[in-house]
Amino acid sequence: MLRDEVLPRASNVYEALNEGYRRGKFRLLDLLEARRTLAQTRLRYVDALVRLNIANADLRRFLPDDAADAIGAQP
């Protein structure tokens, strides 16, 4: 959901505010707030990926080798 919905939306808002700022429609503070939100959203996404990979590695440690290999298999 972060990758498919939240990140694109935050990016679109930032781009729109950036364009509006260049045209004098928004304040610098508005642009910086959108930039901060986009950066925080990217960090949340990366954190979610890290947690997913750690959980995957933990699961692989507790499963027999054959079952662990099936976890990483692509359908």
PDB file of N, CA and C in Angstrom:
ATOM      1  N   MET A   1       0.818  -1.179   0.000  1.00  0.00           N
ATOM      2  CA  MET A   1       0.000   0.000   0.000  1.00  0.00           C
ATOM      3  C   MET A   1       0.877   1.263   0.000  1.00  0.00           C
ATOM      4  N   LEU A   2       1.948   1.232   0.787  1.00  0.00           N
ATOM      5  CA  LEU A   2       2.851   2.386   0.787  1.00  0.00           C
ATOM      6  C   LEU A   2       3.425   2.627  -0.601  1.00  0.00           C
ATOM      7  N   ARG A   3       3.899   1.561  -1.222  1.00  0.00           N
ATOM      8  CA  ARG A   3       4.532   1.687  -2.539  1.00  0.00           C
ATOM      9  C   ARG A   3       3.532   2.075  -3.624  1.00  0.00           C
ATOM     10  N   ASP A   4       2.356   1.474  -3.580  1.00  0.00           N
ATOM     11  CA  ASP A   4       1.404   1.645  -4.680  1.00  0.00           C
ATOM     12  C   ASP A   4       0.474   2.844  -4.537  1.00  0.00           C
ATOM     13  N   GLU A   5       0.218   3.282  -3.303  1.00  0.00           N
ATOM     14  CA  GLU A   5      -0.743   4.365  -3.113  1.00  0.00           C
ATOM     15  C   GLU A   5      -0.156   5.587  -2.428  1.00  0.00           C
ATOM     16  N   VAL A   6       0.459   5.377  -1.285  1.00  0.00           N
ATOM     17  CA  VAL A   6       0.894   6.509  -0.464  1.00  0.00           C
ATOM     18  C   VAL A   6       2.083   7.239  -1.080  1.00  0.00           C
ATOM     19  N   LEU A   7       3.102   6.509  -1.508  1.00  0.00           N
ATOM     20  CA  LEU A   7       4.269   7.153  -2.112  1.00  0.00           C
ATOM     21  C   LEU A   7       3.925   7.939  -3.379  1.00  0.00           C
ATOM     22  N   PRO A   8       3.174   7.361  -4.309  1.00  0.00           N
ATOM     23  CA  PRO A   8       2.817   8.148  -5.495  1.00  0.00           C
ATOM     24  C   PRO A   8       2.000   9.394  -5.151  1.00  0.00           C
ATOM     25  N   ARG A   9       1.101   9.278  -4.191  1.00  0.00           N
ATOM     26  CA  ARG A   9       0.283  10.422  -3.805  1.00  0.00           C
ATOM     27  C   ARG A   9       1.144  11.518  -3.185  1.00  0.00           C
ATOM     28  N   ALA A  10       2.054  11.144  -2.288  1.00  0.00           N
ATOM     29  CA  ALA A  10       2.945  12.130  -1.664  1.00  0.00           C
ATOM     30  C   ALA A  10       3.848  12.779  -2.711  1.00  0.00           C
ATOM     31  N   SER A  11       4.305  11.994  -3.661  1.00  0.00           N
ATOM     32  CA  SER A  11       5.144  12.524  -4.727  1.00  0.00           C
ATOM     33  C   SER A  11       4.367  13.495  -5.606  1.00  0.00           C
ATOM     34  N   ASN A  12       3.131  13.161  -5.928  1.00  0.00           N
ATOM     35  CA  ASN A  12       2.296  14.042  -6.744  1.00  0.00           C
ATOM     36  C   ASN A  12       2.006  15.359  -6.035  1.00  0.00           C
ATOM     37  N   VAL A  13       1.744  15.289  -4.739  1.00  0.00           N
ATOM     38  CA  VAL A  13       1.495  16.508  -3.971  1.00  0.00           C
ATOM     39  C   VAL A  13       2.740  17.382  -3.966  1.00  0.00           C
ATOM     40  N   TYR A  14       3.889  16.759  -3.733  1.00  0.00           N
ATOM     41  CA  TYR A  14       5.125  17.534  -3.729  1.00  0.00           C
ATOM     42  C   TYR A  14       5.379  18.186  -5.089  1.00  0.00           C
ATOM     43  N   GLU A  15       5.209  17.441  -6.162  1.00  0.00           N
ATOM     44  CA  GLU A  15       5.433  17.988  -7.498  1.00  0.00           C
ATOM     45  C   GLU A  15       4.471  19.141  -7.798  1.00  0.00           C
ATOM     46  N   ALA A  16       3.211  18.978  -7.396  1.00  0.00           N
ATOM     47  CA  ALA A  16       2.228  20.042  -7.625  1.00  0.00           C
ATOM     48  C   ALA A  16       2.579  21.293  -6.822  1.00  0.00           C
ATOM     49  N   LEU A  17       2.972  21.102  -5.572  1.00  0.00           N
ATOM     50  CA  LEU A  17       3.365  22.249  -4.757  1.00  0.00           C
ATOM     51  C   LEU A  17       4.641  22.895  -5.278  1.00  0.00           C
ATOM     52  N   ASN A  18       5.554  22.083  -5.768  1.00  0.00           N
ATOM     53  CA  ASN A  18       6.794  22.613  -6.328  1.00  0.00           C
ATOM     54  C   ASN A  18       6.492  23.495  -7.541  1.00  0.00           C
ATOM     55  N   GLU A  19       5.626  23.014  -8.390  1.00  0.00           N
ATOM     56  CA  GLU A  19       5.234  23.803  -9.570  1.00  0.00           C
ATOM     57  C   GLU A  19       4.502  25.073  -9.144  1.00  0.00           C
ATOM     58  N   GLY A  20       3.604  24.936  -8.189  1.00  0.00           N
ATOM     59  CA  GLY A  20       2.879  26.096  -7.696  1.00  0.00           C
ATOM     60  C   GLY A  20       3.789  27.105  -7.027  1.00  0.00           C
ATOM     61  N   TYR A  21       4.780  26.607  -6.318  1.00  0.00           N
ATOM     62  CA  TYR A  21       5.744  27.518  -5.677  1.00  0.00           C
ATOM     63  C   TYR A  21       6.526  28.297  -6.736  1.00  0.00           C
ATOM     64  N   ARG A  22       6.947  27.610  -7.781  1.00  0.00           N
ATOM     65  CA  ARG A  22       7.678  28.293  -8.857  1.00  0.00           C
ATOM     66  C   ARG A  22       6.828  29.376  -9.517  1.00  0.00           C
ATOM     67  N   ARG A  23       5.526  29.186  -9.506  1.00  0.00           N
ATOM     68  CA  ARG A  23       4.620  30.178 -10.105  1.00  0.00           C
ATOM     69  C   ARG A  23       4.148  31.224  -9.095  1.00  0.00           C
ATOM     70  N   GLY A  24       4.624  31.101  -7.864  1.00  0.00           N
ATOM     71  CA  GLY A  24       4.265  32.076  -6.844  1.00  0.00           C
ATOM     72  C   GLY A  24       2.934  31.841  -6.158  1.00  0.00           C
ATOM     73  N   LYS A  25       2.377  30.636  -6.291  1.00  0.00           N
ATOM     74  CA  LYS A  25       1.069  30.340  -5.709  1.00  0.00           C
ATOM     75  C   LYS A  25       1.160  29.782  -4.291  1.00  0.00           C
ATOM     76  N   PHE A  26       2.309  29.249  -3.913  1.00  0.00           N
ATOM     77  CA  PHE A  26       2.481  28.663  -2.591  1.00  0.00           C
ATOM     78  C   PHE A  26       3.701  29.262  -1.904  1.00  0.00           C
ATOM     79  N   ARG A  27       3.667  29.182  -0.577  1.00  0.00           N
ATOM     80  CA  ARG A  27       4.797  29.665   0.215  1.00  0.00           C
ATOM     81  C   ARG A  27       5.878  28.586   0.281  1.00  0.00           C
ATOM     82  N   LEU A  28       7.081  29.012   0.576  1.00  0.00           N
ATOM     83  CA  LEU A  28       8.193  28.073   0.725  1.00  0.00           C
ATOM     84  C   LEU A  28       7.892  27.076   1.839  1.00  0.00           C
ATOM     85  N   LEU A  29       7.263  27.545   2.894  1.00  0.00           N
ATOM     86  CA  LEU A  29       6.923  26.657   4.006  1.00  0.00           C
ATOM     87  C   LEU A  29       6.019  25.508   3.554  1.00  0.00           C
ATOM     88  N   ASP A  30       5.073  25.805   2.672  1.00  0.00           N
ATOM     89  CA  ASP A  30       4.190  24.756   2.143  1.00  0.00           C
ATOM     90  C   ASP A  30       4.983  23.723   1.349  1.00  0.00           C
ATOM     91  N   LEU A  31       5.898  24.202   0.538  1.00  0.00           N
ATOM     92  CA  LEU A  31       6.732  23.304  -0.266  1.00  0.00           C
ATOM     93  C   LEU A  31       7.609  22.440   0.620  1.00  0.00           C
ATOM     94  N   LEU A  32       8.216  23.049   1.635  1.00  0.00           N
ATOM     95  CA  LEU A  32       9.086  22.292   2.541  1.00  0.00           C
ATOM     96  C   LEU A  32       8.312  21.253   3.341  1.00  0.00           C
ATOM     97  N   GLU A  33       7.083  21.573   3.713  1.00  0.00           N
ATOM     98  CA  GLU A  33       6.245  20.610   4.430  1.00  0.00           C
ATOM     99  C   GLU A  33       5.922  19.406   3.532  1.00  0.00           C
ATOM    100  N   ALA A  34       5.613  19.665   2.275  1.00  0.00           N
ATOM    101  CA  ALA A  34       5.344  18.570   1.337  1.00  0.00           C
ATOM    102  C   ALA A  34       6.597  17.732   1.118  1.00  0.00           C
ATOM    103  N   ARG A  35       7.732  18.384   1.054  1.00  0.00           N
ATOM    104  CA  ARG A  35       9.005  17.669   0.875  1.00  0.00           C
ATOM    105  C   ARG A  35       9.306  16.797   2.083  1.00  0.00           C
ATOM    106  N   ARG A  36       9.047  17.332   3.280  1.00  0.00           N
ATOM    107  CA  ARG A  36       9.266  16.567   4.509  1.00  0.00           C
ATOM    108  C   ARG A  36       8.343  15.352   4.551  1.00  0.00           C
ATOM    109  N   THR A  37       7.090  15.553   4.172  1.00  0.00           N
ATOM    110  CA  THR A  37       6.128  14.450   4.157  1.00  0.00           C
ATOM    111  C   THR A  37       6.557  13.368   3.172  1.00  0.00           C
ATOM    112  N   LEU A  38       7.025  13.759   2.007  1.00  0.00           N
ATOM    113  CA  LEU A  38       7.499  12.787   1.020  1.00  0.00           C
ATOM    114  C   LEU A  38       8.700  12.021   1.559  1.00  0.00           C
ATOM    115  N   ALA A  39       9.636  12.724   2.177  1.00  0.00           N
ATOM    116  CA  ALA A  39      10.820  12.055   2.737  1.00  0.00           C
ATOM    117  C   ALA A  39      10.424  11.090   3.849  1.00  0.00           C
ATOM    118  N   GLN A  40       9.505  11.497   4.722  1.00  0.00           N
ATOM    119  CA  GLN A  40       9.045  10.608   5.790  1.00  0.00           C
ATOM    120  C   GLN A  40       8.345   9.378   5.227  1.00  0.00           C
ATOM    121  N   THR A  41       7.581   9.568   4.184  1.00  0.00           N
ATOM    122  CA  THR A  41       6.883   8.440   3.563  1.00  0.00           C
ATOM    123  C   THR A  41       7.875   7.470   2.948  1.00  0.00           C
ATOM    124  N   ARG A  42       8.901   7.990   2.295  1.00  0.00           N
ATOM    125  CA  ARG A  42       9.948   7.118   1.736  1.00  0.00           C
ATOM    126  C   ARG A  42      10.659   6.352   2.841  1.00  0.00           C
ATOM    127  N   LEU A  43      10.941   7.017   3.950  1.00  0.00           N
ATOM    128  CA  LEU A  43      11.593   6.342   5.080  1.00  0.00           C
ATOM    129  C   LEU A  43      10.699   5.250   5.660  1.00  0.00           C
ATOM    130  N   ARG A  44       9.398   5.516   5.765  1.00  0.00           N
ATOM    131  CA  ARG A  44       8.470   4.493   6.258  1.00  0.00           C
ATOM    132  C   ARG A  44       8.459   3.284   5.333  1.00  0.00           C
ATOM    133  N   TYR A  45       8.512   3.524   4.031  1.00  0.00           N
ATOM    134  CA  TYR A  45       8.525   2.432   3.061  1.00  0.00           C
ATOM    135  C   TYR A  45       9.800   1.599   3.196  1.00  0.00           C
ATOM    136  N   VAL A  46      10.937   2.268   3.300  1.00  0.00           N
ATOM    137  CA  VAL A  46      12.202   1.551   3.452  1.00  0.00           C
ATOM    138  C   VAL A  46      12.208   0.779   4.769  1.00  0.00           C
ATOM    139  N   ASP A  47      11.691   1.379   5.830  1.00  0.00           N
ATOM    140  CA  ASP A  47      11.610   0.692   7.115  1.00  0.00           C
ATOM    141  C   ASP A  47      10.733  -0.552   7.020  1.00  0.00           C
ATOM    142  N   ALA A  48       9.629  -0.445   6.312  1.00  0.00           N
ATOM    143  CA  ALA A  48       8.744  -1.606   6.128  1.00  0.00           C
ATOM    144  C   ALA A  48       9.454  -2.715   5.356  1.00  0.00           C
ATOM    145  N   LEU A  49      10.233  -2.345   4.337  1.00  0.00           N
ATOM    146  CA  LEU A  49      10.995  -3.350   3.583  1.00  0.00           C
ATOM    147  C   LEU A  49      12.041  -4.027   4.461  1.00  0.00           C
ATOM    148  N   VAL A  50      12.711  -3.248   5.287  1.00  0.00           N
ATOM    149  CA  VAL A  50      13.721  -3.812   6.193  1.00  0.00           C
ATOM    150  C   VAL A  50      13.055  -4.793   7.152  1.00  0.00           C
ATOM    151  N   ARG A  51      11.937  -4.367   7.765  1.00  0.00           N
ATOM    152  CA  ARG A  51      11.243  -5.258   8.702  1.00  0.00           C
ATOM    153  C   ARG A  51      10.749  -6.532   8.018  1.00  0.00           C
ATOM    154  N   LEU A  52      10.288  -6.407   6.783  1.00  0.00           N
ATOM    155  CA  LEU A  52       9.840  -7.577   6.027  1.00  0.00           C
ATOM    156  C   LEU A  52      10.994  -8.544   5.782  1.00  0.00           C
ATOM    157  N   ASN A  53      12.131  -8.021   5.389  1.00  0.00           N
ATOM    158  CA  ASN A  53      13.286  -8.881   5.128  1.00  0.00           C
ATOM    159  C   ASN A  53      13.833  -9.511   6.398  1.00  0.00           C
ATOM    160  N   ILE A  54      13.806  -8.783   7.506  1.00  0.00           N
ATOM    161  CA  ILE A  54      14.237  -9.359   8.783  1.00  0.00           C
ATOM    162  C   ILE A  54      13.293 -10.481   9.196  1.00  0.00           C
ATOM    163  N   ALA A  55      11.995 -10.247   9.050  1.00  0.00           N
ATOM    164  CA  ALA A  55      11.012 -11.290   9.390  1.00  0.00           C
ATOM    165  C   ALA A  55      11.200 -12.513   8.499  1.00  0.00           C
ATOM    166  N   ASN A  56      11.473 -12.294   7.223  1.00  0.00           N
ATOM    167  CA  ASN A  56      11.708 -13.390   6.293  1.00  0.00           C
ATOM    168  C   ASN A  56      12.948 -14.184   6.713  1.00  0.00           C
ATOM    169  N   ALA A  57      14.008 -13.475   7.078  1.00  0.00           N
ATOM    170  CA  ALA A  57      15.234 -14.153   7.513  1.00  0.00           C
ATOM    171  C   ALA A  57      14.997 -14.929   8.804  1.00  0.00           C
ATOM    172  N   ASP A  58      14.251 -14.339   9.734  1.00  0.00           N
ATOM    173  CA  ASP A  58      13.939 -15.047  10.981  1.00  0.00           C
ATOM    174  C   ASP A  58      13.132 -16.304  10.701  1.00  0.00           C
ATOM    175  N   LEU A  59      12.165 -16.203   9.816  1.00  0.00           N
ATOM    176  CA  LEU A  59      11.340 -17.353   9.476  1.00  0.00           C
ATOM    177  C   LEU A  59      12.186 -18.451   8.841  1.00  0.00           C
ATOM    178  N   ARG A  60      13.094 -18.076   7.972  1.00  0.00           N
ATOM    179  CA  ARG A  60      13.969 -19.061   7.327  1.00  0.00           C
ATOM    180  C   ARG A  60      14.850 -19.796   8.334  1.00  0.00           C
ATOM    181  N   ARG A  61      15.242 -19.100   9.402  1.00  0.00           N
ATOM    182  CA  ARG A  61      16.076 -19.743  10.416  1.00  0.00           C
ATOM    183  C   ARG A  61      15.325 -20.840  11.157  1.00  0.00           C
ATOM    184  N   PHE A  62      14.011 -20.680  11.317  1.00  0.00           N
ATOM    185  CA  PHE A  62      13.234 -21.625  12.105  1.00  0.00           C
ATOM    186  C   PHE A  62      12.626 -22.759  11.293  1.00  0.00           C
ATOM    187  N   LEU A  63      12.683 -22.664   9.978  1.00  0.00           N
ATOM    188  CA  LEU A  63      12.098 -23.696   9.132  1.00  0.00           C
ATOM    189  C   LEU A  63      13.179 -24.630   8.601  1.00  0.00           C
ATOM    190  N   PRO A  64      12.810 -25.868   8.284  1.00  0.00           N
ATOM    191  CA  PRO A  64      13.763 -26.760   7.630  1.00  0.00           C
ATOM    192  C   PRO A  64      14.202 -26.164   6.291  1.00  0.00           C
ATOM    193  N   ASP A  65      15.344 -26.589   5.785  1.00  0.00           N
ATOM    194  CA  ASP A  65      15.906 -26.023   4.560  1.00  0.00           C
ATOM    195  C   ASP A  65      14.941 -26.068   3.372  1.00  0.00           C
ATOM    196  N   ASP A  66      14.222 -27.172   3.178  1.00  0.00           N
ATOM    197  CA  ASP A  66      13.302 -27.279   2.047  1.00  0.00           C
ATOM    198  C   ASP A  66      12.175 -26.252   2.145  1.00  0.00           C
ATOM    199  N   ALA A  67      11.612 -26.075   3.323  1.00  0.00           N
ATOM    200  CA  ALA A  67      10.529 -25.120   3.507  1.00  0.00           C
ATOM    201  C   ALA A  67      11.040 -23.697   3.351  1.00  0.00           C
ATOM    202  N   ALA A  68      12.255 -23.431   3.826  1.00  0.00           N
ATOM    203  CA  ALA A  68      12.825 -22.082   3.723  1.00  0.00           C
ATOM    204  C   ALA A  68      13.057 -21.726   2.273  1.00  0.00           C
ATOM    205  N   ASP A  69      13.469 -22.689   1.468  1.00  0.00           N
ATOM    206  CA  ASP A  69      13.680 -22.422   0.047  1.00  0.00           C
ATOM    207  C   ASP A  69      12.358 -22.080  -0.643  1.00  0.00           C
ATOM    208  N   ALA A  70      11.264 -22.680  -0.208  1.00  0.00           N
ATOM    209  CA  ALA A  70       9.963 -22.418  -0.811  1.00  0.00           C
ATOM    210  C   ALA A  70       9.473 -21.004  -0.506  1.00  0.00           C
ATOM    211  N   ILE A  71       9.934 -20.416   0.596  1.00  0.00           N
ATOM    212  CA  ILE A  71       9.498 -19.052   0.955  1.00  0.00           C
ATOM    213  C   ILE A  71       9.973 -18.045  -0.097  1.00  0.00           C
ATOM    214  N   GLY A  72      11.198 -18.202  -0.547  1.00  0.00           N
ATOM    215  CA  GLY A  72      11.751 -17.258  -1.518  1.00  0.00           C
ATOM    216  C   GLY A  72      11.378 -17.561  -2.958  1.00  0.00           C
ATOM    217  N   ALA A  73      10.685 -18.670  -3.190  1.00  0.00           N
ATOM    218  CA  ALA A  73      10.333 -19.052  -4.569  1.00  0.00           C
ATOM    219  C   ALA A  73       9.274 -18.108  -5.113  1.00  0.00           C
ATOM    220  N   GLN A  74       9.394 -17.796  -6.378  1.00  0.00           N
ATOM    221  CA  GLN A  74       8.418 -16.937  -7.051  1.00  0.00           C
ATOM    222  C   GLN A  74       7.328 -17.826  -7.640  1.00  0.00           C
ATOM    223  N   PRO A  75       6.058 -17.396  -7.534  1.00  0.00           N
ATOM    224  CA  PRO A  75       4.956 -18.213  -8.075  1.00  0.00           C
ATOM    225  C   PRO A  75       4.975 -18.242  -9.579  1.00  0.00           C
TER     226      PRO A  75
END
